């Protein structure tokens, strides 16, 4: 496992982390059963989406291998810029208070926070010798841990740091994209 994969996983997990903080804030008192369910769903979807993107990307990898560094850079930069933009424009001054775990809502949130991972999966298909099993497992596990910490943190301090988490995640993805571009030039 490379340090790039760890940083990539952390960057991807920042959307889930921001939402997990709000989910923690919305709990009147810490509910670890719900916290584990939230973290599990975020981790599962963050692992599934890059796998889907990788499978799709592999179908076209031979056609675009000459431009793989540029494609990875563009995709990661778009995702990173989107995260930074959302962090800057987002009003996170109020997080809703919830009383029970809503599976349907968590599924929608899990999909929404993992769409970026789909684009990253396409990028991974363009990287030579990538071990997709290790990659998706790392992304899923790191997202699970970060989301679990986010729920706990949100329950303790609130959602005033959501904006910073998403902004940092965007910066990390852009830096990884630049690094992949430089390595492929």
C-alpha atoms as a PDB file:
ATOM      1  CA  UNK A   1       0.000   0.000   0.000  1.00  0.00           C
ATOM      2  CA  UNK A   2       1.434   3.319  -1.047  1.00  0.00           C
ATOM      3  CA  UNK A   3       1.270   6.618   0.749  1.00  0.00           C
ATOM      4  CA  UNK A   4      -0.541   7.976  -2.343  1.00  0.00           C
ATOM      5  CA  UNK A   5      -3.339   5.471  -1.772  1.00  0.00           C
ATOM      6  CA  UNK A   6      -3.641   6.484   1.878  1.00  0.00           C
ATOM      7  CA  UNK A   7      -3.832  10.179   0.987  1.00  0.00           C
ATOM      8  CA  UNK A   8      -6.248   9.452  -1.842  1.00  0.00           C
ATOM      9  CA  UNK A   9      -8.453   7.533   0.596  1.00  0.00           C
ATOM     10  CA  UNK A  10      -8.333  10.353   3.124  1.00  0.00           C
ATOM     11  CA  UNK A  11      -9.220  12.908   0.445  1.00  0.00           C
ATOM     12  CA  UNK A  12     -12.171  10.829  -0.731  1.00  0.00           C
ATOM     13  CA  UNK A  13     -13.381  10.310   2.835  1.00  0.00           C
ATOM     14  CA  UNK A  14     -13.699  14.027   3.581  1.00  0.00           C
ATOM     15  CA  UNK A  15     -17.226  14.344   2.135  1.00  0.00           C
ATOM     16  CA  UNK A  16     -18.352  11.412   4.265  1.00  0.00           C
ATOM     17  CA  UNK A  17     -16.501  12.873   7.260  1.00  0.00           C
ATOM     18  CA  UNK A  18     -18.341  16.191   6.896  1.00  0.00           C
ATOM     19  CA  UNK A  19     -21.720  14.468   6.707  1.00  0.00           C
ATOM     20  CA  UNK A  20     -20.781  12.129   9.578  1.00  0.00           C
ATOM     21  CA  UNK A  21     -20.052  15.164  11.755  1.00  0.00           C
ATOM     22  CA  UNK A  22     -23.564  16.460  11.084  1.00  0.00           C
ATOM     23  CA  UNK A  23     -25.016  13.010  11.778  1.00  0.00           C
ATOM     24  CA  UNK A  24     -23.174  12.987  15.117  1.00  0.00           C
ATOM     25  CA  UNK A  25     -24.380  16.471  15.945  1.00  0.00           C
ATOM     26  CA  UNK A  26     -27.944  15.428  15.233  1.00  0.00           C
ATOM     27  CA  UNK A  27     -27.771  12.722  17.938  1.00  0.00           C
ATOM     28  CA  UNK A  28     -28.986  13.951  21.290  1.00  0.00           C
ATOM     29  CA  UNK A  29     -26.570  11.489  22.884  1.00  0.00           C
ATOM     30  CA  UNK A  30     -23.989   9.272  21.232  1.00  0.00           C
ATOM     31  CA  UNK A  31     -25.552   6.132  19.727  1.00  0.00           C
ATOM     32  CA  UNK A  32     -22.720   3.735  18.808  1.00  0.00           C
ATOM     33  CA  UNK A  33     -25.009   1.334  16.962  1.00  0.00           C
ATOM     34  CA  UNK A  34     -26.045   4.158  14.634  1.00  0.00           C
ATOM     35  CA  UNK A  35     -22.478   5.466  14.439  1.00  0.00           C
ATOM     36  CA  UNK A  36     -21.203   2.067  13.256  1.00  0.00           C
ATOM     37  CA  UNK A  37     -24.063   1.781  10.745  1.00  0.00           C
ATOM     38  CA  UNK A  38     -23.294   5.261   9.368  1.00  0.00           C
ATOM     39  CA  UNK A  39     -19.565   4.535   9.115  1.00  0.00           C
ATOM     40  CA  UNK A  40     -20.225   1.130   7.540  1.00  0.00           C
ATOM     41  CA  UNK A  41     -22.485   2.570   4.849  1.00  0.00           C
ATOM     42  CA  UNK A  42     -20.069   5.384   3.997  1.00  0.00           C
ATOM     43  CA  UNK A  43     -17.155   2.930   3.863  1.00  0.00           C
ATOM     44  CA  UNK A  44     -19.090   0.418   1.758  1.00  0.00           C
ATOM     45  CA  UNK A  45     -20.168   2.945  -0.857  1.00  0.00           C
ATOM     46  CA  UNK A  46     -16.752   4.649  -0.939  1.00  0.00           C
ATOM     47  CA  UNK A  47     -15.256   1.217  -1.721  1.00  0.00           C
ATOM     48  CA  UNK A  48     -17.915   0.165  -4.256  1.00  0.00           C
ATOM     49  CA  UNK A  49     -17.832   3.308  -6.395  1.00  0.00           C
ATOM     50  CA  UNK A  50     -14.118   3.215  -7.295  1.00  0.00           C
ATOM     51  CA  UNK A  51     -14.500  -0.482  -8.099  1.00  0.00           C
ATOM     52  CA  UNK A  52     -17.312   0.365 -10.532  1.00  0.00           C
ATOM     53  CA  UNK A  53     -15.267   3.246 -11.984  1.00  0.00           C
ATOM     54  CA  UNK A  54     -12.225   0.990 -12.318  1.00  0.00           C
ATOM     55  CA  UNK A  55     -14.265  -1.667 -14.155  1.00  0.00           C
ATOM     56  CA  UNK A  56     -15.625   0.942 -16.567  1.00  0.00           C
ATOM     57  CA  UNK A  57     -12.214   2.584 -16.959  1.00  0.00           C
ATOM     58  CA  UNK A  58     -10.545  -0.749 -17.712  1.00  0.00           C
ATOM     59  CA  UNK A  59     -12.787  -1.168 -20.744  1.00  0.00           C
ATOM     60  CA  UNK A  60     -11.274   1.963 -22.242  1.00  0.00           C
ATOM     61  CA  UNK A  61      -7.764   1.932 -20.700  1.00  0.00           C
ATOM     62  CA  UNK A  62      -6.003   0.741 -23.844  1.00  0.00           C
ATOM     63  CA  UNK A  63      -7.479   3.640 -25.817  1.00  0.00           C
ATOM     64  CA  UNK A  64      -6.406   6.326 -23.394  1.00  0.00           C
ATOM     65  CA  UNK A  65      -3.173   4.964 -21.881  1.00  0.00           C
ATOM     66  CA  UNK A  66      -1.090   7.613 -23.654  1.00  0.00           C
ATOM     67  CA  UNK A  67      -3.045  10.333 -21.873  1.00  0.00           C
ATOM     68  CA  UNK A  68      -3.525   8.583 -18.528  1.00  0.00           C
ATOM     69  CA  UNK A  69      -1.591  11.160 -16.487  1.00  0.00           C
ATOM     70  CA  UNK A  70      -3.620  13.994 -17.967  1.00  0.00           C
ATOM     71  CA  UNK A  71      -6.917  12.169 -17.542  1.00  0.00           C
ATOM     72  CA  UNK A  72      -6.170  11.317 -13.889  1.00  0.00           C
ATOM     73  CA  UNK A  73      -5.080  14.915 -13.275  1.00  0.00           C
ATOM     74  CA  UNK A  74      -8.223  16.364 -14.872  1.00  0.00           C
ATOM     75  CA  UNK A  75     -10.629  13.977 -13.087  1.00  0.00           C
ATOM     76  CA  UNK A  76      -9.011  14.411  -9.670  1.00  0.00           C
ATOM     77  CA  UNK A  77      -8.768  18.183 -10.144  1.00  0.00           C
ATOM     78  CA  UNK A  78     -12.441  18.455 -11.121  1.00  0.00           C
ATOM     79  CA  UNK A  79     -13.468  16.452  -8.061  1.00  0.00           C
ATOM     80  CA  UNK A  80     -11.102  18.456  -5.833  1.00  0.00           C
ATOM     81  CA  UNK A  81     -12.281  21.827  -7.187  1.00  0.00           C
ATOM     82  CA  UNK A  82     -15.908  20.736  -6.747  1.00  0.00           C
ATOM     83  CA  UNK A  83     -15.216  19.827  -3.114  1.00  0.00           C
ATOM     84  CA  UNK A  84     -13.453  23.148  -2.484  1.00  0.00           C
ATOM     85  CA  UNK A  85     -16.290  25.078  -4.162  1.00  0.00           C
ATOM     86  CA  UNK A  86     -18.918  23.257  -2.081  1.00  0.00           C
ATOM     87  CA  UNK A  87     -16.933  23.910   1.094  1.00  0.00           C
ATOM     88  CA  UNK A  88     -16.709  27.627   0.337  1.00  0.00           C
ATOM     89  CA  UNK A  89     -20.351  28.130  -0.718  1.00  0.00           C
ATOM     90  CA  UNK A  90     -21.963  25.792   1.811  1.00  0.00           C
ATOM     91  CA  UNK A  91     -23.801  27.134   4.852  1.00  0.00           C
ATOM     92  CA  UNK A  92     -23.054  24.692   7.654  1.00  0.00           C
ATOM     93  CA  UNK A  93     -24.221  26.855  10.516  1.00  0.00           C
ATOM     94  CA  UNK A  94     -27.180  24.587  11.266  1.00  0.00           C
ATOM     95  CA  UNK A  95     -27.301  20.798  11.331  1.00  0.00           C
ATOM     96  CA  UNK A  96     -30.690  19.105  11.758  1.00  0.00           C
ATOM     97  CA  UNK A  97     -31.523  17.136  14.896  1.00  0.00           C
ATOM     98  CA  UNK A  98     -32.596  13.551  14.249  1.00  0.00           C
ATOM     99  CA  UNK A  99     -33.994  10.983  16.595  1.00  0.00           C
ATOM    100  CA  UNK A 100     -33.678   7.725  14.623  1.00  0.00           C
ATOM    101  CA  UNK A 101     -31.558   6.046  11.973  1.00  0.00           C
ATOM    102  CA  UNK A 102     -33.063   6.322   8.482  1.00  0.00           C
ATOM    103  CA  UNK A 103     -31.657   3.654   6.129  1.00  0.00           C
ATOM    104  CA  UNK A 104     -33.086   5.291   3.008  1.00  0.00           C
ATOM    105  CA  UNK A 105     -31.568   8.652   3.885  1.00  0.00           C
ATOM    106  CA  UNK A 106     -28.206   7.033   4.688  1.00  0.00           C
ATOM    107  CA  UNK A 107     -28.221   5.220   1.347  1.00  0.00           C
ATOM    108  CA  UNK A 108     -28.788   8.496  -0.484  1.00  0.00           C
ATOM    109  CA  UNK A 109     -26.090  10.243   1.572  1.00  0.00           C
ATOM    110  CA  UNK A 110     -23.676   7.356   0.990  1.00  0.00           C
ATOM    111  CA  UNK A 111     -24.210   7.492  -2.762  1.00  0.00           C
ATOM    112  CA  UNK A 112     -23.969  11.281  -2.848  1.00  0.00           C
ATOM    113  CA  UNK A 113     -20.693  11.368  -0.909  1.00  0.00           C
ATOM    114  CA  UNK A 114     -19.147   8.596  -3.010  1.00  0.00           C
ATOM    115  CA  UNK A 115     -19.851   9.892  -6.524  1.00  0.00           C
ATOM    116  CA  UNK A 116     -16.379  11.454  -6.498  1.00  0.00           C
ATOM    117  CA  UNK A 117     -14.929   7.998  -5.842  1.00  0.00           C
ATOM    118  CA  UNK A 118     -16.441   6.784  -9.116  1.00  0.00           C
ATOM    119  CA  UNK A 119     -14.293   9.275 -11.052  1.00  0.00           C
ATOM    120  CA  UNK A 120     -11.268   8.257  -8.997  1.00  0.00           C
ATOM    121  CA  UNK A 121     -11.954   4.620  -9.900  1.00  0.00           C
ATOM    122  CA  UNK A 122     -11.775   5.545 -13.579  1.00  0.00           C
ATOM    123  CA  UNK A 123      -8.412   7.200 -12.846  1.00  0.00           C
ATOM    124  CA  UNK A 124      -7.189   4.065 -11.065  1.00  0.00           C
ATOM    125  CA  UNK A 125      -7.880   2.037 -14.199  1.00  0.00           C
ATOM    126  CA  UNK A 126      -5.316   4.194 -15.982  1.00  0.00           C
ATOM    127  CA  UNK A 127      -2.575   3.605 -13.419  1.00  0.00           C
ATOM    128  CA  UNK A 128      -0.278   0.707 -14.347  1.00  0.00           C
ATOM    129  CA  UNK A 129      -0.089  -2.190 -11.882  1.00  0.00           C
ATOM    130  CA  UNK A 130      -2.778  -0.880  -9.533  1.00  0.00           C
ATOM    131  CA  UNK A 131      -4.090  -3.526  -7.141  1.00  0.00           C
ATOM    132  CA  UNK A 132      -7.790  -2.702  -7.171  1.00  0.00           C
ATOM    133  CA  UNK A 133      -8.627  -5.034  -4.276  1.00  0.00           C
ATOM    134  CA  UNK A 134      -6.101  -3.341  -1.994  1.00  0.00           C
ATOM    135  CA  UNK A 135      -7.196   0.076  -3.285  1.00  0.00           C
ATOM    136  CA  UNK A 136     -10.921  -0.352  -2.654  1.00  0.00           C
ATOM    137  CA  UNK A 137     -10.314  -2.071   0.682  1.00  0.00           C
ATOM    138  CA  UNK A 138      -8.067   0.797   1.789  1.00  0.00           C
ATOM    139  CA  UNK A 139     -10.569   3.428   0.625  1.00  0.00           C
ATOM    140  CA  UNK A 140     -13.429   1.621   2.393  1.00  0.00           C
ATOM    141  CA  UNK A 141     -11.567   1.020   5.662  1.00  0.00           C
ATOM    142  CA  UNK A 142     -10.172   4.543   5.884  1.00  0.00           C
ATOM    143  CA  UNK A 143     -13.597   6.009   5.103  1.00  0.00           C
ATOM    144  CA  UNK A 144     -15.167   3.779   7.764  1.00  0.00           C
ATOM    145  CA  UNK A 145     -12.660   4.918  10.408  1.00  0.00           C
ATOM    146  CA  UNK A 146     -12.836   8.592   9.451  1.00  0.00           C
ATOM    147  CA  UNK A 147     -16.656   8.499   9.364  1.00  0.00           C
ATOM    148  CA  UNK A 148     -16.813   6.837  12.769  1.00  0.00           C
ATOM    149  CA  UNK A 149     -14.508   9.525  14.153  1.00  0.00           C
ATOM    150  CA  UNK A 150     -16.686  12.143  12.417  1.00  0.00           C
ATOM    151  CA  UNK A 151     -19.870  10.939  14.108  1.00  0.00           C
ATOM    152  CA  UNK A 152     -18.156  10.963  17.503  1.00  0.00           C
ATOM    153  CA  UNK A 153     -16.578  14.357  16.852  1.00  0.00           C
ATOM    154  CA  UNK A 154     -19.864  15.804  15.615  1.00  0.00           C
ATOM    155  CA  UNK A 155     -21.617  14.577  18.706  1.00  0.00           C
ATOM    156  CA  UNK A 156     -18.986  16.250  20.866  1.00  0.00           C
ATOM    157  CA  UNK A 157     -18.252  19.552  19.083  1.00  0.00           C
ATOM    158  CA  UNK A 158     -20.799  20.153  16.353  1.00  0.00           C
ATOM    159  CA  UNK A 159     -20.550  20.813  12.637  1.00  0.00           C
ATOM    160  CA  UNK A 160     -18.444  23.957  12.493  1.00  0.00           C
ATOM    161  CA  UNK A 161     -15.508  22.027  10.949  1.00  0.00           C
ATOM    162  CA  UNK A 162     -17.412  20.449   8.004  1.00  0.00           C
ATOM    163  CA  UNK A 163     -16.296  23.198   5.660  1.00  0.00           C
ATOM    164  CA  UNK A 164     -12.621  22.712   6.530  1.00  0.00           C
ATOM    165  CA  UNK A 165     -12.773  18.931   6.115  1.00  0.00           C
ATOM    166  CA  UNK A 166     -14.284  19.160   2.634  1.00  0.00           C
ATOM    167  CA  UNK A 167     -11.866  21.933   1.614  1.00  0.00           C
ATOM    168  CA  UNK A 168      -8.879  19.865   2.801  1.00  0.00           C
ATOM    169  CA  UNK A 169     -10.155  16.815   0.931  1.00  0.00           C
ATOM    170  CA  UNK A 170     -10.364  18.850  -2.269  1.00  0.00           C
ATOM    171  CA  UNK A 171      -6.801  20.127  -1.872  1.00  0.00           C
ATOM    172  CA  UNK A 172      -5.519  16.578  -1.263  1.00  0.00           C
ATOM    173  CA  UNK A 173      -7.195  15.272  -4.439  1.00  0.00           C
ATOM    174  CA  UNK A 174      -5.766  18.110  -6.554  1.00  0.00           C
ATOM    175  CA  UNK A 175      -2.256  17.483  -5.183  1.00  0.00           C
ATOM    176  CA  UNK A 176      -2.519  13.768  -5.975  1.00  0.00           C
ATOM    177  CA  UNK A 177      -3.712  14.645  -9.499  1.00  0.00           C
ATOM    178  CA  UNK A 178      -0.729  16.948 -10.022  1.00  0.00           C
ATOM    179  CA  UNK A 179       1.632  14.259  -8.737  1.00  0.00           C
ATOM    180  CA  UNK A 180       0.128  11.665 -11.117  1.00  0.00           C
ATOM    181  CA  UNK A 181       0.471  14.103 -14.027  1.00  0.00           C
ATOM    182  CA  UNK A 182       4.133  14.806 -13.236  1.00  0.00           C
ATOM    183  CA  UNK A 183       4.894  11.079 -12.860  1.00  0.00           C
ATOM    184  CA  UNK A 184       3.373  10.337 -16.292  1.00  0.00           C
ATOM    185  CA  UNK A 185       5.087  13.138 -18.225  1.00  0.00           C
END
